[in-house]
Amino acid sequence: MKKLIAAVVLAGAALIATPAAANAAGYVPTSNVSVSGSSVAGGTTVINFGPGSFVGNETVNISVTGAGAVTLGALPTTTVSKAYVASASGAVNPRITLPAGASGTYTLTATGATSGNVGTAAVTATPAAGAAAVGGAGSGTGSLAFTGGTISALALWVGGGAVVLGGGLLVVRGSVRRQRDGQIAA
């Protein structure tokens, strides 16, 4: 019984400790990714994924997510997707043109159709010259306060693992107690 419990605990710990998502696909190193051009609203930015980022001549699906013209609920967001073909060396250089009223961060994700490699880049749009700041006079910078929290995925896995192990411990303890009570009564 002790060996079975130890095996279950070790198997549970292995499942919790193994980051399965990290093994899902190859990732383009950040050293292969560069951003050039204008990040001003209405400007054009070029995201450069250097040689070796993808397999030569493979189709690379590019999607850009950020603030835009489509409204979902109260949040204006949009995702635009387009397929590109990498060069013979595996490089791809998509151009994105930010909307005239762009604000916030736009995230570009490039996924190789053959290799499965995933590369990301972020572009933070700055208002065009003469654009009005958000907020009234004397209200500060015009930006919203950060009200969220940042809890790492590791902390969530450790907390969830502790809850699962605690529940297992209670089940085993109840089983042992019932066995003892059965032996005492006999």
N, C-alpha and C. Protein backbone atom coordinates (compact mmCIF):
# COMPACT_ATOMS: atom_id res chain seq x y z
N MET A 1 0.83 -1.19 0.00
CA MET A 1 0.00 0.00 0.00
C MET A 1 0.87 1.26 0.00
N LYS A 2 1.97 1.23 0.76
CA LYS A 2 2.85 2.39 0.82
C LYS A 2 3.51 2.64 -0.54
N LYS A 3 3.86 1.54 -1.23
CA LYS A 3 4.49 1.69 -2.54
C LYS A 3 3.51 2.29 -3.54
N LEU A 4 2.25 1.89 -3.46
CA LEU A 4 1.24 2.42 -4.36
C LEU A 4 1.04 3.91 -4.11
N ILE A 5 0.96 4.30 -2.86
CA ILE A 5 0.79 5.71 -2.51
C ILE A 5 2.00 6.51 -2.99
N ALA A 6 3.20 5.99 -2.78
CA ALA A 6 4.41 6.69 -3.21
C ALA A 6 4.44 6.84 -4.73
N ALA A 7 4.00 5.79 -5.45
CA ALA A 7 3.97 5.84 -6.91
C ALA A 7 2.98 6.89 -7.40
N VAL A 8 1.80 6.95 -6.77
CA VAL A 8 0.79 7.94 -7.15
C VAL A 8 1.30 9.34 -6.87
N VAL A 9 1.93 9.56 -5.73
CA VAL A 9 2.45 10.88 -5.38
C VAL A 9 3.54 11.29 -6.37
N LEU A 10 4.45 10.38 -6.70
CA LEU A 10 5.50 10.70 -7.66
C LEU A 10 4.94 10.98 -9.05
N ALA A 11 3.95 10.20 -9.47
CA ALA A 11 3.34 10.43 -10.78
C ALA A 11 2.65 11.79 -10.82
N GLY A 12 1.96 12.13 -9.75
CA GLY A 12 1.31 13.44 -9.66
C GLY A 12 2.32 14.57 -9.68
N ALA A 13 3.40 14.41 -8.96
CA ALA A 13 4.44 15.44 -8.95
C ALA A 13 5.07 15.59 -10.32
N ALA A 14 5.26 14.49 -11.03
CA ALA A 14 5.85 14.56 -12.37
C ALA A 14 4.91 15.29 -13.34
N LEU A 15 3.62 15.04 -13.23
CA LEU A 15 2.67 15.73 -14.09
C LEU A 15 2.64 17.23 -13.81
N ILE A 16 2.73 17.59 -12.55
CA ILE A 16 2.68 18.99 -12.18
C ILE A 16 3.97 19.70 -12.58
N ALA A 17 5.09 19.03 -12.46
CA ALA A 17 6.38 19.66 -12.71
C ALA A 17 6.75 19.74 -14.18
N THR A 18 6.11 18.98 -15.05
CA THR A 18 6.48 18.95 -16.46
C THR A 18 5.71 20.02 -17.22
N PRO A 19 6.40 20.97 -17.80
CA PRO A 19 5.71 22.00 -18.60
C PRO A 19 5.39 21.48 -19.99
N ALA A 20 4.21 20.94 -20.16
CA ALA A 20 3.83 20.32 -21.43
C ALA A 20 3.75 21.34 -22.56
N ALA A 21 3.32 22.56 -22.28
CA ALA A 21 3.16 23.56 -23.34
C ALA A 21 4.51 23.92 -23.96
N ALA A 22 5.56 23.89 -23.19
CA ALA A 22 6.87 24.25 -23.72
C ALA A 22 7.37 23.24 -24.74
N ASN A 23 6.85 22.03 -24.71
CA ASN A 23 7.27 21.01 -25.66
C ASN A 23 6.37 20.95 -26.89
N ALA A 24 5.35 21.79 -26.95
CA ALA A 24 4.38 21.71 -28.02
C ALA A 24 4.95 22.12 -29.37
N ALA A 25 5.82 23.09 -29.40
CA ALA A 25 6.36 23.56 -30.68
C ALA A 25 7.71 24.19 -30.45
N GLY A 26 8.45 24.39 -31.55
CA GLY A 26 9.71 25.11 -31.45
C GLY A 26 9.44 26.60 -31.36
N TYR A 27 10.32 27.32 -30.73
CA TYR A 27 10.14 28.75 -30.59
C TYR A 27 11.28 29.48 -31.27
N VAL A 28 10.97 30.58 -31.89
CA VAL A 28 11.98 31.41 -32.54
C VAL A 28 12.67 32.20 -31.43
N PRO A 29 14.00 32.11 -31.32
CA PRO A 29 14.70 32.85 -30.27
C PRO A 29 14.51 34.36 -30.45
N THR A 30 14.43 35.08 -29.35
CA THR A 30 14.23 36.53 -29.43
C THR A 30 15.40 37.22 -30.13
N SER A 31 16.56 36.58 -30.14
CA SER A 31 17.71 37.18 -30.84
C SER A 31 17.50 37.17 -32.36
N ASN A 32 16.57 36.36 -32.87
CA ASN A 32 16.26 36.31 -34.30
C ASN A 32 15.16 37.30 -34.70
N VAL A 33 14.58 38.00 -33.72
CA VAL A 33 13.44 38.88 -33.99
C VAL A 33 13.84 40.33 -33.75
N SER A 34 13.56 41.18 -34.73
CA SER A 34 13.80 42.62 -34.54
C SER A 34 12.63 43.40 -35.12
N VAL A 35 12.43 44.60 -34.60
CA VAL A 35 11.35 45.47 -35.03
C VAL A 35 11.97 46.76 -35.53
N SER A 36 11.55 47.20 -36.72
CA SER A 36 12.05 48.46 -37.26
C SER A 36 10.90 49.22 -37.89
N GLY A 37 11.10 50.51 -38.10
CA GLY A 37 10.05 51.32 -38.70
C GLY A 37 9.39 52.19 -37.66
N SER A 38 8.23 52.69 -38.00
CA SER A 38 7.52 53.64 -37.16
C SER A 38 6.43 52.95 -36.34
N SER A 39 6.43 53.21 -35.04
CA SER A 39 5.36 52.68 -34.20
C SER A 39 4.33 53.76 -33.88
N VAL A 40 4.37 54.86 -34.64
CA VAL A 40 3.39 55.94 -34.49
C VAL A 40 2.09 55.50 -35.16
N ALA A 41 0.97 55.89 -34.57
CA ALA A 41 -0.33 55.55 -35.15
C ALA A 41 -0.36 55.97 -36.61
N GLY A 42 -0.74 55.05 -37.50
CA GLY A 42 -0.75 55.29 -38.93
C GLY A 42 0.56 54.94 -39.61
N GLY A 43 1.59 54.62 -38.85
CA GLY A 43 2.90 54.30 -39.41
C GLY A 43 3.04 52.83 -39.76
N THR A 44 4.11 52.50 -40.50
CA THR A 44 4.38 51.13 -40.92
C THR A 44 5.58 50.59 -40.15
N THR A 45 5.41 49.39 -39.61
CA THR A 45 6.46 48.73 -38.85
C THR A 45 6.81 47.42 -39.54
N VAL A 46 8.09 47.09 -39.58
CA VAL A 46 8.55 45.83 -40.16
C VAL A 46 9.06 44.95 -39.04
N ILE A 47 8.53 43.73 -38.96
CA ILE A 47 9.00 42.74 -37.99
C ILE A 47 9.91 41.79 -38.76
N ASN A 48 11.16 41.70 -38.35
CA ASN A 48 12.15 40.85 -39.04
C ASN A 48 12.39 39.58 -38.25
N PHE A 49 12.02 38.44 -38.84
CA PHE A 49 12.37 37.13 -38.30
C PHE A 49 13.56 36.65 -39.11
N GLY A 50 14.73 36.60 -38.51
CA GLY A 50 15.98 36.33 -39.21
C GLY A 50 16.09 34.93 -39.77
N PRO A 51 17.19 34.70 -40.54
CA PRO A 51 17.43 33.38 -41.12
C PRO A 51 17.44 32.28 -40.06
N GLY A 52 16.85 31.15 -40.40
CA GLY A 52 16.79 30.02 -39.47
C GLY A 52 15.59 30.05 -38.55
N SER A 53 14.80 31.12 -38.61
CA SER A 53 13.62 31.18 -37.75
C SER A 53 12.58 30.15 -38.16
N PHE A 54 12.50 29.90 -39.47
CA PHE A 54 11.54 28.94 -40.00
C PHE A 54 12.25 28.07 -41.03
N VAL A 55 11.59 27.04 -41.51
CA VAL A 55 12.15 26.19 -42.56
C VAL A 55 12.12 26.98 -43.86
N GLY A 56 13.13 26.82 -44.69
CA GLY A 56 13.19 27.54 -45.96
C GLY A 56 11.96 27.30 -46.82
N ASN A 57 11.41 28.36 -47.37
CA ASN A 57 10.26 28.35 -48.29
C ASN A 57 8.98 27.79 -47.69
N GLU A 58 8.88 27.74 -46.38
CA GLU A 58 7.63 27.25 -45.78
C GLU A 58 6.63 28.38 -45.65
N THR A 59 5.36 28.03 -45.58
CA THR A 59 4.30 29.00 -45.35
C THR A 59 4.33 29.39 -43.88
N VAL A 60 4.31 30.70 -43.62
CA VAL A 60 4.31 31.21 -42.26
C VAL A 60 3.02 32.00 -42.07
N ASN A 61 2.20 31.57 -41.14
CA ASN A 61 0.94 32.25 -40.86
C ASN A 61 1.18 33.34 -39.83
N ILE A 62 0.87 34.57 -40.21
CA ILE A 62 1.08 35.74 -39.36
C ILE A 62 -0.27 36.23 -38.87
N SER A 63 -0.38 36.48 -37.57
CA SER A 63 -1.59 37.10 -37.04
C SER A 63 -1.18 38.26 -36.15
N VAL A 64 -1.92 39.35 -36.26
CA VAL A 64 -1.68 40.55 -35.47
C VAL A 64 -2.92 40.81 -34.64
N THR A 65 -2.72 40.97 -33.35
CA THR A 65 -3.83 41.23 -32.43
C THR A 65 -3.56 42.54 -31.70
N GLY A 66 -4.58 43.38 -31.60
CA GLY A 66 -4.44 44.64 -30.88
C GLY A 66 -5.69 45.47 -31.03
N ALA A 67 -5.61 46.71 -30.56
CA ALA A 67 -6.75 47.61 -30.64
C ALA A 67 -7.02 47.94 -32.10
N GLY A 68 -8.28 48.01 -32.46
CA GLY A 68 -8.62 48.28 -33.86
C GLY A 68 -10.05 48.69 -34.02
N ALA A 69 -10.63 48.35 -35.15
CA ALA A 69 -11.95 48.84 -35.51
C ALA A 69 -13.09 47.96 -35.04
N VAL A 70 -12.84 46.71 -34.73
CA VAL A 70 -13.91 45.79 -34.33
C VAL A 70 -14.12 45.89 -32.83
N THR A 71 -15.36 45.90 -32.38
CA THR A 71 -15.63 46.00 -30.95
C THR A 71 -16.27 44.71 -30.46
N LEU A 72 -15.66 44.11 -29.43
CA LEU A 72 -16.23 42.94 -28.76
C LEU A 72 -16.60 43.40 -27.36
N GLY A 73 -17.89 43.49 -27.07
CA GLY A 73 -18.32 44.01 -25.78
C GLY A 73 -17.92 45.47 -25.69
N ALA A 74 -17.13 45.80 -24.69
CA ALA A 74 -16.67 47.18 -24.52
C ALA A 74 -15.24 47.38 -24.98
N LEU A 75 -14.57 46.30 -25.40
CA LEU A 75 -13.16 46.39 -25.77
C LEU A 75 -12.98 46.36 -27.27
N PRO A 76 -12.38 47.41 -27.84
CA PRO A 76 -12.11 47.37 -29.27
C PRO A 76 -10.89 46.51 -29.55
N THR A 77 -11.08 45.41 -30.25
CA THR A 77 -9.97 44.52 -30.59
C THR A 77 -10.18 43.97 -31.98
N THR A 78 -9.10 43.49 -32.55
CA THR A 78 -9.20 42.84 -33.84
C THR A 78 -8.01 41.91 -34.01
N THR A 79 -8.21 40.88 -34.78
CA THR A 79 -7.12 39.99 -35.15
C THR A 79 -7.11 39.89 -36.66
N VAL A 80 -5.97 40.19 -37.24
CA VAL A 80 -5.80 40.13 -38.69
C VAL A 80 -4.79 39.04 -38.98
N SER A 81 -5.08 38.16 -39.94
CA SER A 81 -4.19 37.06 -40.27
C SER A 81 -3.86 37.08 -41.75
N LYS A 82 -2.63 36.64 -42.08
CA LYS A 82 -2.19 36.56 -43.47
C LYS A 82 -1.08 35.54 -43.55
N ALA A 83 -1.01 34.84 -44.68
CA ALA A 83 0.05 33.84 -44.89
C ALA A 83 1.17 34.45 -45.72
N TYR A 84 2.40 34.22 -45.29
CA TYR A 84 3.60 34.65 -46.01
C TYR A 84 4.41 33.40 -46.35
N VAL A 85 5.37 33.52 -47.24
CA VAL A 85 6.29 32.43 -47.55
C VAL A 85 7.68 32.86 -47.11
N ALA A 86 8.32 32.05 -46.28
CA ALA A 86 9.66 32.36 -45.80
C ALA A 86 10.65 32.27 -46.95
N SER A 87 11.75 32.98 -46.84
CA SER A 87 12.80 32.91 -47.86
C SER A 87 13.48 31.54 -47.78
N ALA A 88 14.41 31.29 -48.69
CA ALA A 88 15.13 30.02 -48.71
C ALA A 88 15.92 29.81 -47.42
N SER A 89 16.31 30.91 -46.76
CA SER A 89 17.07 30.82 -45.50
C SER A 89 16.16 30.71 -44.28
N GLY A 90 14.84 30.79 -44.46
CA GLY A 90 13.91 30.68 -43.34
C GLY A 90 13.54 32.01 -42.72
N ALA A 91 13.88 33.13 -43.37
CA ALA A 91 13.55 34.46 -42.85
C ALA A 91 12.22 34.92 -43.42
N VAL A 92 11.52 35.74 -42.66
CA VAL A 92 10.29 36.37 -43.14
C VAL A 92 10.21 37.75 -42.51
N ASN A 93 9.73 38.74 -43.30
CA ASN A 93 9.71 40.14 -42.85
C ASN A 93 8.35 40.78 -43.13
N PRO A 94 7.34 40.46 -42.33
CA PRO A 94 6.03 41.07 -42.57
C PRO A 94 6.01 42.55 -42.18
N ARG A 95 5.24 43.33 -42.93
CA ARG A 95 5.04 44.76 -42.63
C ARG A 95 3.64 44.91 -42.05
N ILE A 96 3.53 45.69 -40.99
CA ILE A 96 2.20 45.98 -40.46
C ILE A 96 2.03 47.50 -40.44
N THR A 97 0.85 47.94 -40.85
CA THR A 97 0.52 49.36 -40.81
C THR A 97 -0.49 49.54 -39.69
N LEU A 98 -0.13 50.36 -38.73
CA LEU A 98 -1.01 50.59 -37.58
C LEU A 98 -2.16 51.49 -38.00
N PRO A 99 -3.36 51.30 -37.42
CA PRO A 99 -4.49 52.17 -37.74
C PRO A 99 -4.18 53.61 -37.33
N ALA A 100 -4.88 54.57 -37.94
CA ALA A 100 -4.65 55.99 -37.66
C ALA A 100 -4.89 56.30 -36.18
N GLY A 101 -5.84 55.64 -35.56
CA GLY A 101 -6.14 55.89 -34.15
C GLY A 101 -5.55 54.86 -33.22
N ALA A 102 -4.46 54.23 -33.64
CA ALA A 102 -3.88 53.13 -32.86
C ALA A 102 -3.42 53.59 -31.49
N SER A 103 -3.62 52.71 -30.52
CA SER A 103 -3.11 52.93 -29.17
C SER A 103 -2.92 51.56 -28.52
N GLY A 104 -2.03 51.49 -27.59
CA GLY A 104 -1.80 50.23 -26.90
C GLY A 104 -0.78 49.36 -27.60
N THR A 105 -0.77 48.09 -27.24
CA THR A 105 0.22 47.15 -27.75
C THR A 105 -0.41 46.21 -28.75
N TYR A 106 0.28 46.01 -29.86
CA TYR A 106 -0.12 45.05 -30.90
C TYR A 106 0.86 43.89 -30.84
N THR A 107 0.33 42.67 -30.84
CA THR A 107 1.17 41.48 -30.77
C THR A 107 1.10 40.75 -32.10
N LEU A 108 2.27 40.49 -32.69
CA LEU A 108 2.37 39.75 -33.93
C LEU A 108 2.86 38.36 -33.60
N THR A 109 2.15 37.34 -34.08
CA THR A 109 2.54 35.95 -33.88
C THR A 109 2.74 35.30 -35.23
N ALA A 110 3.92 34.72 -35.43
CA ALA A 110 4.25 34.03 -36.68
C ALA A 110 4.39 32.54 -36.38
N THR A 111 3.66 31.70 -37.13
CA THR A 111 3.69 30.25 -36.91
C THR A 111 4.03 29.55 -38.22
N GLY A 112 5.10 28.77 -38.21
CA GLY A 112 5.51 28.02 -39.39
C GLY A 112 4.58 26.84 -39.61
N ALA A 113 4.02 26.72 -40.81
CA ALA A 113 3.08 25.65 -41.11
C ALA A 113 3.75 24.28 -41.14
N THR A 114 5.01 24.21 -41.53
CA THR A 114 5.71 22.94 -41.60
C THR A 114 6.47 22.65 -40.31
N SER A 115 7.25 23.62 -39.85
CA SER A 115 8.11 23.42 -38.68
C SER A 115 7.36 23.53 -37.36
N GLY A 116 6.27 24.29 -37.34
CA GLY A 116 5.56 24.53 -36.09
C GLY A 116 6.25 25.57 -35.23
N ASN A 117 7.34 26.17 -35.72
CA ASN A 117 8.04 27.20 -34.95
C ASN A 117 7.13 28.40 -34.74
N VAL A 118 7.20 28.99 -33.55
CA VAL A 118 6.36 30.13 -33.21
C VAL A 118 7.26 31.28 -32.79
N GLY A 119 7.05 32.43 -33.41
CA GLY A 119 7.78 33.64 -33.05
C GLY A 119 6.79 34.74 -32.74
N THR A 120 7.11 35.57 -31.76
CA THR A 120 6.23 36.68 -31.41
C THR A 120 7.02 37.97 -31.32
N ALA A 121 6.32 39.07 -31.54
CA ALA A 121 6.89 40.40 -31.38
C ALA A 121 5.77 41.33 -30.95
N ALA A 122 6.11 42.34 -30.19
CA ALA A 122 5.13 43.31 -29.73
C ALA A 122 5.52 44.70 -30.21
N VAL A 123 4.52 45.46 -30.64
CA VAL A 123 4.72 46.84 -31.06
C VAL A 123 3.78 47.70 -30.23
N THR A 124 4.32 48.68 -29.54
CA THR A 124 3.49 49.60 -28.76
C THR A 124 3.27 50.85 -29.58
N ALA A 125 2.02 51.13 -29.91
CA ALA A 125 1.67 52.28 -30.74
C ALA A 125 1.73 53.55 -29.91
N THR A 126 2.35 54.56 -30.48
CA THR A 126 2.38 55.88 -29.84
C THR A 126 1.44 56.79 -30.62
N PRO A 127 0.75 57.71 -29.94
CA PRO A 127 -0.19 58.58 -30.65
C PRO A 127 0.53 59.45 -31.68
N ALA A 128 -0.15 59.73 -32.78
CA ALA A 128 0.41 60.61 -33.80
C ALA A 128 0.51 62.02 -33.23
N ALA A 129 1.40 62.83 -33.80
CA ALA A 129 1.57 64.21 -33.35
C ALA A 129 0.25 64.95 -33.41
N GLY A 130 -0.05 65.69 -32.35
CA GLY A 130 -1.28 66.46 -32.31
C GLY A 130 -2.47 65.69 -31.77
N ALA A 131 -2.30 64.42 -31.45
CA ALA A 131 -3.42 63.64 -30.92
C ALA A 131 -3.70 64.07 -29.49
N ALA A 132 -4.96 64.13 -29.15
CA ALA A 132 -5.35 64.56 -27.82
C ALA A 132 -5.08 63.45 -26.81
N ALA A 133 -4.62 63.84 -25.64
CA ALA A 133 -4.38 62.88 -24.57
C ALA A 133 -5.70 62.50 -23.92
N VAL A 134 -5.78 61.28 -23.42
CA VAL A 134 -6.97 60.81 -22.73
C VAL A 134 -6.98 61.42 -21.33
N GLY A 135 -8.15 61.86 -20.86
CA GLY A 135 -8.24 62.41 -19.52
C GLY A 135 -8.44 63.91 -19.57
N GLY A 136 -8.92 64.44 -18.46
CA GLY A 136 -9.17 65.87 -18.37
C GLY A 136 -7.94 66.64 -17.93
N ALA A 137 -8.08 67.95 -17.84
CA ALA A 137 -6.96 68.80 -17.41
C ALA A 137 -6.58 68.48 -15.99
N GLY A 138 -5.29 68.35 -15.75
CA GLY A 138 -4.81 68.09 -14.39
C GLY A 138 -5.04 66.67 -13.93
N SER A 139 -5.37 65.75 -14.83
CA SER A 139 -5.67 64.39 -14.40
C SER A 139 -4.45 63.47 -14.44
N GLY A 140 -3.28 64.01 -14.67
CA GLY A 140 -2.08 63.17 -14.68
C GLY A 140 -1.68 62.80 -16.09
N THR A 141 -1.21 61.57 -16.26
CA THR A 141 -0.66 61.15 -17.55
C THR A 141 -1.74 60.72 -18.54
N GLY A 142 -2.95 60.53 -18.09
CA GLY A 142 -4.00 60.08 -18.99
C GLY A 142 -4.04 58.57 -19.17
N SER A 143 -3.25 57.84 -18.42
CA SER A 143 -3.27 56.39 -18.53
C SER A 143 -4.03 55.79 -17.35
N LEU A 144 -4.51 54.59 -17.54
CA LEU A 144 -5.25 53.92 -16.48
C LEU A 144 -4.30 53.28 -15.48
N ALA A 145 -4.74 53.18 -14.26
CA ALA A 145 -3.94 52.53 -13.23
C ALA A 145 -3.92 51.03 -13.46
N PHE A 146 -2.81 50.40 -13.13
CA PHE A 146 -2.70 48.95 -13.22
C PHE A 146 -3.41 48.36 -12.02
N THR A 147 -4.47 47.58 -12.25
CA THR A 147 -5.24 47.02 -11.14
C THR A 147 -5.20 45.51 -11.11
N GLY A 148 -4.44 44.91 -12.00
CA GLY A 148 -4.37 43.45 -12.05
C GLY A 148 -3.25 42.90 -11.19
N GLY A 149 -3.10 41.63 -11.22
CA GLY A 149 -2.04 40.98 -10.48
C GLY A 149 -1.22 40.13 -11.42
N THR A 150 -0.03 39.81 -11.01
CA THR A 150 0.81 38.94 -11.82
C THR A 150 1.23 37.76 -10.97
N ILE A 151 0.59 36.63 -11.22
CA ILE A 151 0.93 35.40 -10.52
C ILE A 151 1.55 34.48 -11.56
N SER A 152 2.73 33.99 -11.27
CA SER A 152 3.40 33.13 -12.25
C SER A 152 2.67 31.79 -12.38
N ALA A 153 2.85 31.18 -13.53
CA ALA A 153 2.23 29.88 -13.78
C ALA A 153 2.77 28.84 -12.81
N LEU A 154 4.04 28.96 -12.46
CA LEU A 154 4.64 28.02 -11.52
C LEU A 154 3.91 28.07 -10.17
N ALA A 155 3.61 29.28 -9.70
CA ALA A 155 2.91 29.42 -8.43
C ALA A 155 1.52 28.79 -8.50
N LEU A 156 0.84 28.94 -9.63
CA LEU A 156 -0.47 28.31 -9.78
C LEU A 156 -0.37 26.79 -9.77
N TRP A 157 0.64 26.23 -10.47
CA TRP A 157 0.83 24.78 -10.49
C TRP A 157 1.19 24.26 -9.11
N VAL A 158 2.04 24.97 -8.40
CA VAL A 158 2.42 24.53 -7.05
C VAL A 158 1.21 24.56 -6.13
N GLY A 159 0.42 25.63 -6.20
CA GLY A 159 -0.78 25.73 -5.37
C GLY A 159 -1.79 24.64 -5.70
N GLY A 160 -2.02 24.41 -6.99
CA GLY A 160 -2.94 23.35 -7.40
C GLY A 160 -2.44 21.98 -6.99
N GLY A 161 -1.13 21.76 -7.12
CA GLY A 161 -0.54 20.49 -6.70
C GLY A 161 -0.69 20.27 -5.21
N ALA A 162 -0.52 21.33 -4.43
CA ALA A 162 -0.67 21.21 -2.98
C ALA A 162 -2.11 20.83 -2.62
N VAL A 163 -3.07 21.41 -3.31
CA VAL A 163 -4.48 21.08 -3.05
C VAL A 163 -4.76 19.62 -3.41
N VAL A 164 -4.25 19.16 -4.56
CA VAL A 164 -4.47 17.77 -4.98
C VAL A 164 -3.80 16.81 -4.00
N LEU A 165 -2.55 17.09 -3.63
CA LEU A 165 -1.86 16.22 -2.68
C LEU A 165 -2.55 16.21 -1.31
N GLY A 166 -3.04 17.37 -0.88
CA GLY A 166 -3.77 17.43 0.39
C GLY A 166 -5.03 16.59 0.35
N GLY A 167 -5.76 16.67 -0.76
CA GLY A 167 -6.97 15.84 -0.91
C GLY A 167 -6.63 14.37 -0.90
N GLY A 168 -5.56 13.98 -1.60
CA GLY A 168 -5.13 12.59 -1.60
C GLY A 168 -4.73 12.12 -0.22
N LEU A 169 -4.08 12.99 0.53
CA LEU A 169 -3.68 12.65 1.89
C LEU A 169 -4.89 12.40 2.78
N LEU A 170 -5.93 13.21 2.61
CA LEU A 170 -7.16 13.01 3.40
C LEU A 170 -7.83 11.68 3.05
N VAL A 171 -7.84 11.33 1.77
CA VAL A 171 -8.45 10.06 1.35
C VAL A 171 -7.68 8.89 1.94
N VAL A 172 -6.35 8.93 1.87
CA VAL A 172 -5.52 7.85 2.41
C VAL A 172 -5.70 7.75 3.92
N ARG A 173 -5.73 8.90 4.59
CA ARG A 173 -5.89 8.88 6.05
C ARG A 173 -7.23 8.28 6.45
N GLY A 174 -8.29 8.62 5.72
CA GLY A 174 -9.61 8.05 6.02
C GLY A 174 -9.62 6.55 5.80
N SER A 175 -8.95 6.09 4.74
CA SER A 175 -8.88 4.66 4.45
C SER A 175 -8.14 3.92 5.56
N VAL A 176 -7.02 4.49 5.99
CA VAL A 176 -6.24 3.86 7.07
C VAL A 176 -7.05 3.82 8.37
N ARG A 177 -7.77 4.89 8.65
CA ARG A 177 -8.58 4.95 9.87
C ARG A 177 -9.67 3.88 9.85
N ARG A 178 -10.33 3.69 8.69
CA ARG A 178 -11.37 2.68 8.58
C ARG A 178 -10.80 1.28 8.75
N GLN A 179 -9.58 1.05 8.22
CA GLN A 179 -8.95 -0.25 8.38
C GLN A 179 -8.64 -0.52 9.86
N ARG A 180 -8.15 0.48 10.57
CA ARG A 180 -7.84 0.32 12.00
C ARG A 180 -9.12 0.05 12.79
N ASP A 181 -10.15 0.82 12.48
CA ASP A 181 -11.41 0.63 13.21
C ASP A 181 -11.96 -0.77 12.96
N GLY A 182 -11.79 -1.28 11.75
CA GLY A 182 -12.24 -2.64 11.42
C GLY A 182 -11.45 -3.69 12.16
N GLN A 183 -10.13 -3.47 12.36
CA GLN A 183 -9.30 -4.43 13.07
C GLN A 183 -9.57 -4.39 14.58
N ILE A 184 -9.85 -3.22 15.12
CA ILE A 184 -10.14 -3.10 16.55
C ILE A 184 -11.47 -3.76 16.87
N ALA A 185 -12.46 -3.60 16.03
CA ALA A 185 -13.80 -4.16 16.26
C ALA A 185 -13.77 -5.68 16.15
N ALA A 186 -12.85 -6.23 15.38
CA ALA A 186 -12.82 -7.69 15.18
C ALA A 186 -12.18 -8.44 16.28
